[in-house]
């Protein structure tokens, strides 16, 4: 979830969404679900 890390570093959300071809609604949904997790936690969710 590199896009979440970019947002945390200060890149504006609309700019990120344009670069990655996604809606801001999708971004905020992902942030509410995965925000604050590291990659090992995300891998465990997939198991």
C-alpha atoms as a PDB file:
ATOM      1  CA  UNK A   1       0.000   0.000   0.000  1.00  0.00           C
ATOM      2  CA  UNK A   2       2.563   2.502  -1.143  1.00  0.00           C
ATOM      3  CA  UNK A   3      -0.178   5.001  -1.922  1.00  0.00           C
ATOM      4  CA  UNK A   4      -1.076   5.215   1.779  1.00  0.00           C
ATOM      5  CA  UNK A   5       2.553   5.836   2.697  1.00  0.00           C
ATOM      6  CA  UNK A   6       2.767   8.599   0.083  1.00  0.00           C
ATOM      7  CA  UNK A   7      -0.318  10.260   1.561  1.00  0.00           C
ATOM      8  CA  UNK A   8       1.197  10.068   5.045  1.00  0.00           C
ATOM      9  CA  UNK A   9       4.315  11.807   3.747  1.00  0.00           C
ATOM     10  CA  UNK A  10       2.254  14.795   2.631  1.00  0.00           C
ATOM     11  CA  UNK A  11       1.374  14.186  -1.028  1.00  0.00           C
ATOM     12  CA  UNK A  12      -2.135  15.566  -1.698  1.00  0.00           C
ATOM     13  CA  UNK A  13      -4.805  12.864  -2.038  1.00  0.00           C
ATOM     14  CA  UNK A  14      -6.271  14.169  -5.337  1.00  0.00           C
ATOM     15  CA  UNK A  15      -2.789  14.087  -6.890  1.00  0.00           C
ATOM     16  CA  UNK A  16      -2.193  10.514  -5.705  1.00  0.00           C
ATOM     17  CA  UNK A  17      -5.558   9.381  -7.039  1.00  0.00           C
ATOM     18  CA  UNK A  18      -4.826  10.860 -10.471  1.00  0.00           C
ATOM     19  CA  UNK A  19      -1.381   9.231 -10.601  1.00  0.00           C
ATOM     20  CA  UNK A  20      -2.756   5.820  -9.645  1.00  0.00           C
ATOM     21  CA  UNK A  21      -6.012   6.017 -11.592  1.00  0.00           C
ATOM     22  CA  UNK A  22      -8.329   5.548  -8.638  1.00  0.00           C
ATOM     23  CA  UNK A  23     -11.151   7.519  -7.067  1.00  0.00           C
ATOM     24  CA  UNK A  24     -10.721   9.441  -3.855  1.00  0.00           C
ATOM     25  CA  UNK A  25     -13.571   7.371  -2.375  1.00  0.00           C
ATOM     26  CA  UNK A  26     -11.521   4.199  -2.941  1.00  0.00           C
ATOM     27  CA  UNK A  27      -8.492   5.830  -1.354  1.00  0.00           C
ATOM     28  CA  UNK A  28     -10.421   6.802   1.782  1.00  0.00           C
ATOM     29  CA  UNK A  29     -11.974   3.332   1.995  1.00  0.00           C
ATOM     30  CA  UNK A  30      -8.507   1.752   1.823  1.00  0.00           C
ATOM     31  CA  UNK A  31      -7.167   4.229   4.374  1.00  0.00           C
ATOM     32  CA  UNK A  32      -9.936   3.402   6.837  1.00  0.00           C
ATOM     33  CA  UNK A  33      -9.338  -0.319   6.364  1.00  0.00           C
ATOM     34  CA  UNK A  34      -5.526  -0.485   6.104  1.00  0.00           C
ATOM     35  CA  UNK A  35      -4.257   2.790   7.575  1.00  0.00           C
ATOM     36  CA  UNK A  36      -1.680   2.269  10.296  1.00  0.00           C
ATOM     37  CA  UNK A  37      -0.869  -1.293   9.248  1.00  0.00           C
ATOM     38  CA  UNK A  38       2.547  -2.390   8.140  1.00  0.00           C
ATOM     39  CA  UNK A  39       3.144  -4.893   5.342  1.00  0.00           C
ATOM     40  CA  UNK A  40       3.375  -7.899   7.679  1.00  0.00           C
ATOM     41  CA  UNK A  41      -0.081  -7.141   9.082  1.00  0.00           C
ATOM     42  CA  UNK A  42      -1.518  -6.855   5.569  1.00  0.00           C
ATOM     43  CA  UNK A  43      -0.009 -10.207   4.608  1.00  0.00           C
ATOM     44  CA  UNK A  44      -1.701 -11.832   7.607  1.00  0.00           C
ATOM     45  CA  UNK A  45      -5.071 -10.471   6.472  1.00  0.00           C
ATOM     46  CA  UNK A  46      -4.673 -12.301   3.161  1.00  0.00           C
ATOM     47  CA  UNK A  47      -4.082 -15.654   4.873  1.00  0.00           C
END
